[in-house]
Amino acid sequence: MSFTDTDLEQLSSTLVGARTRGTALEKFPGAVPPSLADAYKVQDTSIKRDPRTVVGWKIGVIPPEFRADMGAERLMGPAFDNTKHIVD
């Protein structure tokens, strides 16, 4: 499966738009990135597009059905300034 720059831009725009509006998506909005490198390209593009500030990083689990294609079990993603929690 080919993941084009158009796929990347459309996916990033949809994901950031949903985050900005605070709305849930009924399903994944488009082609699933075929590799971890492509997934991180979407993430990097989305971070640049998102008006919020990254204040940390979180680790997420890759669903089992995508692990072989991704070559990993986990991925890292941003935590934004409006979602940080401080624990004393």
N, C-alpha and C. Protein backbone atom coordinates (compact mmCIF):
# COMPACT_ATOMS: atom_id res chain seq x y z
N MET A 1 0.84 -1.19 0.00
CA MET A 1 0.00 0.00 0.00
C MET A 1 0.88 1.24 0.00
N SER A 2 0.53 2.17 -0.84
CA SER A 2 1.27 3.42 -0.94
C SER A 2 0.60 4.48 -0.09
N PHE A 3 1.39 5.23 0.64
CA PHE A 3 0.87 6.31 1.49
C PHE A 3 1.43 7.60 0.92
N THR A 4 0.58 8.39 0.29
CA THR A 4 1.03 9.58 -0.43
C THR A 4 1.08 10.81 0.47
N ASP A 5 1.70 11.86 -0.03
CA ASP A 5 1.71 13.14 0.69
C ASP A 5 0.28 13.66 0.87
N THR A 6 -0.59 13.41 -0.11
CA THR A 6 -1.99 13.82 0.01
C THR A 6 -2.67 13.06 1.14
N ASP A 7 -2.42 11.74 1.23
CA ASP A 7 -2.96 10.95 2.35
C ASP A 7 -2.50 11.54 3.68
N LEU A 8 -1.21 11.84 3.77
CA LEU A 8 -0.63 12.39 5.00
C LEU A 8 -1.30 13.71 5.37
N GLU A 9 -1.42 14.61 4.44
CA GLU A 9 -2.00 15.92 4.71
C GLU A 9 -3.47 15.82 5.10
N GLN A 10 -4.24 14.98 4.39
CA GLN A 10 -5.66 14.83 4.70
C GLN A 10 -5.86 14.22 6.08
N LEU A 11 -5.08 13.19 6.38
CA LEU A 11 -5.20 12.53 7.68
C LEU A 11 -4.83 13.49 8.80
N SER A 12 -3.72 14.19 8.64
CA SER A 12 -3.29 15.15 9.65
C SER A 12 -4.33 16.24 9.87
N SER A 13 -4.88 16.76 8.79
CA SER A 13 -5.88 17.82 8.90
C SER A 13 -7.13 17.33 9.64
N THR A 14 -7.57 16.13 9.32
CA THR A 14 -8.75 15.57 9.98
C THR A 14 -8.51 15.33 11.46
N LEU A 15 -7.36 14.75 11.80
CA LEU A 15 -7.05 14.46 13.19
C LEU A 15 -6.92 15.74 14.02
N VAL A 16 -6.20 16.71 13.50
CA VAL A 16 -6.03 17.98 14.23
C VAL A 16 -7.36 18.71 14.34
N GLY A 17 -8.16 18.68 13.29
CA GLY A 17 -9.47 19.32 13.35
C GLY A 17 -10.35 18.72 14.44
N ALA A 18 -10.35 17.41 14.54
CA ALA A 18 -11.15 16.75 15.58
C ALA A 18 -10.63 17.11 16.97
N ARG A 19 -9.31 17.12 17.14
CA ARG A 19 -8.73 17.50 18.44
C ARG A 19 -9.10 18.93 18.79
N THR A 20 -8.97 19.82 17.83
CA THR A 20 -9.24 21.25 18.07
C THR A 20 -10.70 21.48 18.45
N ARG A 21 -11.60 20.74 17.80
CA ARG A 21 -13.03 20.88 18.11
C ARG A 21 -13.44 20.07 19.34
N GLY A 22 -12.59 19.15 19.76
CA GLY A 22 -12.91 18.29 20.88
C GLY A 22 -13.96 17.26 20.53
N THR A 23 -13.95 16.80 19.28
CA THR A 23 -14.94 15.83 18.83
C THR A 23 -14.29 14.47 18.58
N ALA A 24 -15.09 13.43 18.75
CA ALA A 24 -14.63 12.07 18.49
C ALA A 24 -14.87 11.73 17.02
N LEU A 25 -14.06 10.83 16.50
CA LEU A 25 -14.24 10.33 15.15
C LEU A 25 -14.89 8.95 15.23
N GLU A 26 -15.86 8.68 14.36
CA GLU A 26 -16.54 7.38 14.38
C GLU A 26 -15.62 6.23 13.99
N LYS A 27 -14.66 6.51 13.11
CA LYS A 27 -13.70 5.50 12.67
C LYS A 27 -12.43 6.21 12.24
N PHE A 28 -11.40 5.44 11.99
CA PHE A 28 -10.15 6.04 11.56
C PHE A 28 -10.39 6.76 10.24
N PRO A 29 -9.97 8.01 10.12
CA PRO A 29 -10.37 8.84 8.98
C PRO A 29 -9.47 8.72 7.75
N GLY A 30 -9.43 7.56 7.16
CA GLY A 30 -8.64 7.41 5.95
C GLY A 30 -7.75 6.19 6.00
N ALA A 31 -6.74 6.21 5.16
CA ALA A 31 -5.80 5.09 5.09
C ALA A 31 -4.93 5.06 6.34
N VAL A 32 -4.80 3.87 6.91
CA VAL A 32 -3.90 3.70 8.05
C VAL A 32 -2.47 3.76 7.50
N PRO A 33 -1.60 4.56 8.09
CA PRO A 33 -0.22 4.60 7.61
C PRO A 33 0.37 3.19 7.57
N PRO A 34 1.01 2.81 6.48
CA PRO A 34 1.49 1.44 6.32
C PRO A 34 2.77 1.11 7.09
N SER A 35 3.41 2.10 7.66
CA SER A 35 4.65 1.86 8.41
C SER A 35 4.71 2.81 9.59
N LEU A 36 5.57 2.47 10.54
CA LEU A 36 5.77 3.34 11.69
C LEU A 36 6.36 4.68 11.24
N ALA A 37 7.23 4.65 10.25
CA ALA A 37 7.81 5.89 9.73
C ALA A 37 6.72 6.80 9.17
N ASP A 38 5.75 6.22 8.44
CA ASP A 38 4.65 7.02 7.91
C ASP A 38 3.76 7.56 9.03
N ALA A 39 3.52 6.73 10.04
CA ALA A 39 2.72 7.18 11.18
C ALA A 39 3.38 8.37 11.87
N TYR A 40 4.70 8.31 12.04
CA TYR A 40 5.40 9.43 12.66
C TYR A 40 5.41 10.67 11.76
N LYS A 41 5.38 10.48 10.45
CA LYS A 41 5.26 11.64 9.54
C LYS A 41 3.93 12.35 9.77
N VAL A 42 2.85 11.56 9.91
CA VAL A 42 1.54 12.15 10.19
C VAL A 42 1.59 12.90 11.52
N GLN A 43 2.21 12.27 12.52
CA GLN A 43 2.31 12.91 13.83
C GLN A 43 3.11 14.21 13.75
N ASP A 44 4.24 14.20 13.08
CA ASP A 44 5.07 15.41 12.97
C ASP A 44 4.32 16.52 12.25
N THR A 45 3.61 16.16 11.17
CA THR A 45 2.82 17.15 10.43
C THR A 45 1.71 17.71 11.31
N SER A 46 1.08 16.85 12.08
CA SER A 46 -0.01 17.27 12.97
C SER A 46 0.48 18.18 14.08
N ILE A 47 1.64 17.88 14.64
CA ILE A 47 2.21 18.73 15.70
C ILE A 47 2.46 20.14 15.16
N LYS A 48 2.98 20.24 13.94
CA LYS A 48 3.23 21.55 13.34
C LYS A 48 1.93 22.30 13.08
N ARG A 49 0.87 21.57 12.77
CA ARG A 49 -0.42 22.17 12.44
C ARG A 49 -1.23 22.55 13.69
N ASP A 50 -0.96 21.87 14.78
CA ASP A 50 -1.74 22.05 16.01
C ASP A 50 -1.29 23.32 16.73
N PRO A 51 -2.23 24.16 17.17
CA PRO A 51 -1.85 25.41 17.81
C PRO A 51 -1.35 25.24 19.25
N ARG A 52 -1.56 24.08 19.84
CA ARG A 52 -1.15 23.88 21.23
C ARG A 52 0.34 23.58 21.34
N THR A 53 0.85 23.68 22.56
CA THR A 53 2.26 23.43 22.83
C THR A 53 2.44 22.02 23.37
N VAL A 54 3.44 21.33 22.84
CA VAL A 54 3.79 20.00 23.35
C VAL A 54 4.54 20.19 24.67
N VAL A 55 4.04 19.54 25.74
CA VAL A 55 4.66 19.68 27.06
C VAL A 55 5.26 18.37 27.57
N GLY A 56 5.09 17.31 26.81
CA GLY A 56 5.62 16.01 27.21
C GLY A 56 5.29 14.97 26.16
N TRP A 57 5.60 13.72 26.49
CA TRP A 57 5.38 12.62 25.56
C TRP A 57 4.73 11.46 26.29
N LYS A 58 3.92 10.71 25.58
CA LYS A 58 3.25 9.53 26.14
C LYS A 58 3.55 8.33 25.24
N ILE A 59 3.46 7.16 25.80
CA ILE A 59 3.68 5.93 25.06
C ILE A 59 2.34 5.23 24.89
N GLY A 60 2.04 4.79 23.67
CA GLY A 60 0.80 4.09 23.38
C GLY A 60 1.07 2.72 22.81
N VAL A 61 0.09 1.85 22.91
CA VAL A 61 0.20 0.49 22.38
C VAL A 61 -0.34 0.47 20.95
N ILE A 62 0.38 -0.17 20.07
CA ILE A 62 -0.08 -0.39 18.70
C ILE A 62 -1.01 -1.61 18.73
N PRO A 63 -2.21 -1.52 18.15
CA PRO A 63 -3.10 -2.68 18.14
C PRO A 63 -2.41 -3.91 17.53
N PRO A 64 -2.67 -5.08 18.08
CA PRO A 64 -1.98 -6.29 17.62
C PRO A 64 -2.02 -6.52 16.11
N GLU A 65 -3.13 -6.19 15.47
CA GLU A 65 -3.25 -6.45 14.04
C GLU A 65 -2.35 -5.56 13.18
N PHE A 66 -1.76 -4.52 13.77
CA PHE A 66 -0.86 -3.63 13.02
C PHE A 66 0.61 -3.81 13.40
N ARG A 67 0.91 -4.59 14.41
CA ARG A 67 2.28 -4.70 14.92
C ARG A 67 3.27 -5.26 13.92
N ALA A 68 2.89 -6.27 13.17
CA ALA A 68 3.82 -6.86 12.20
C ALA A 68 4.19 -5.84 11.14
N ASP A 69 3.20 -5.13 10.60
CA ASP A 69 3.48 -4.12 9.57
C ASP A 69 4.29 -2.96 10.13
N MET A 70 4.03 -2.58 11.38
CA MET A 70 4.74 -1.46 11.99
C MET A 70 6.11 -1.86 12.52
N GLY A 71 6.28 -3.13 12.80
CA GLY A 71 7.56 -3.58 13.34
C GLY A 71 7.80 -3.12 14.76
N ALA A 72 6.70 -2.87 15.48
CA ALA A 72 6.82 -2.38 16.86
C ALA A 72 5.53 -2.69 17.61
N GLU A 73 5.61 -2.67 18.94
CA GLU A 73 4.43 -2.86 19.78
C GLU A 73 3.93 -1.55 20.37
N ARG A 74 4.79 -0.52 20.36
CA ARG A 74 4.42 0.76 20.98
C ARG A 74 4.88 1.91 20.09
N LEU A 75 4.24 3.06 20.32
CA LEU A 75 4.69 4.27 19.66
C LEU A 75 4.57 5.42 20.65
N MET A 76 5.25 6.50 20.35
CA MET A 76 5.28 7.65 21.23
C MET A 76 4.49 8.79 20.60
N GLY A 77 3.76 9.53 21.43
CA GLY A 77 2.98 10.65 20.93
C GLY A 77 3.03 11.83 21.88
N PRO A 78 2.66 13.00 21.38
CA PRO A 78 2.75 14.21 22.19
C PRO A 78 1.65 14.33 23.24
N ALA A 79 1.99 14.96 24.34
CA ALA A 79 1.02 15.41 25.33
C ALA A 79 1.01 16.94 25.23
N PHE A 80 -0.16 17.50 25.02
CA PHE A 80 -0.27 18.94 24.80
C PHE A 80 -0.58 19.69 26.09
N ASP A 81 -0.33 20.99 26.06
CA ASP A 81 -0.45 21.82 27.28
C ASP A 81 -1.83 21.80 27.90
N ASN A 82 -2.89 21.55 27.14
CA ASN A 82 -4.21 21.54 27.73
C ASN A 82 -4.60 20.16 28.29
N THR A 83 -3.70 19.20 28.23
CA THR A 83 -4.01 17.85 28.73
C THR A 83 -3.04 17.38 29.81
N LYS A 84 -2.15 18.26 30.25
CA LYS A 84 -1.18 17.82 31.27
C LYS A 84 -1.85 17.72 32.64
N HIS A 85 -1.35 16.80 33.42
CA HIS A 85 -1.84 16.60 34.78
C HIS A 85 -0.63 16.62 35.71
N ILE A 86 -0.69 17.40 36.75
CA ILE A 86 0.41 17.49 37.70
C ILE A 86 -0.02 16.75 38.96
N VAL A 87 0.78 15.79 39.37
CA VAL A 87 0.48 14.99 40.56
C VAL A 87 1.48 15.36 41.63
N ASP A 88 1.01 15.71 42.80
CA ASP A 88 1.90 16.05 43.91
C ASP A 88 2.22 14.83 44.70
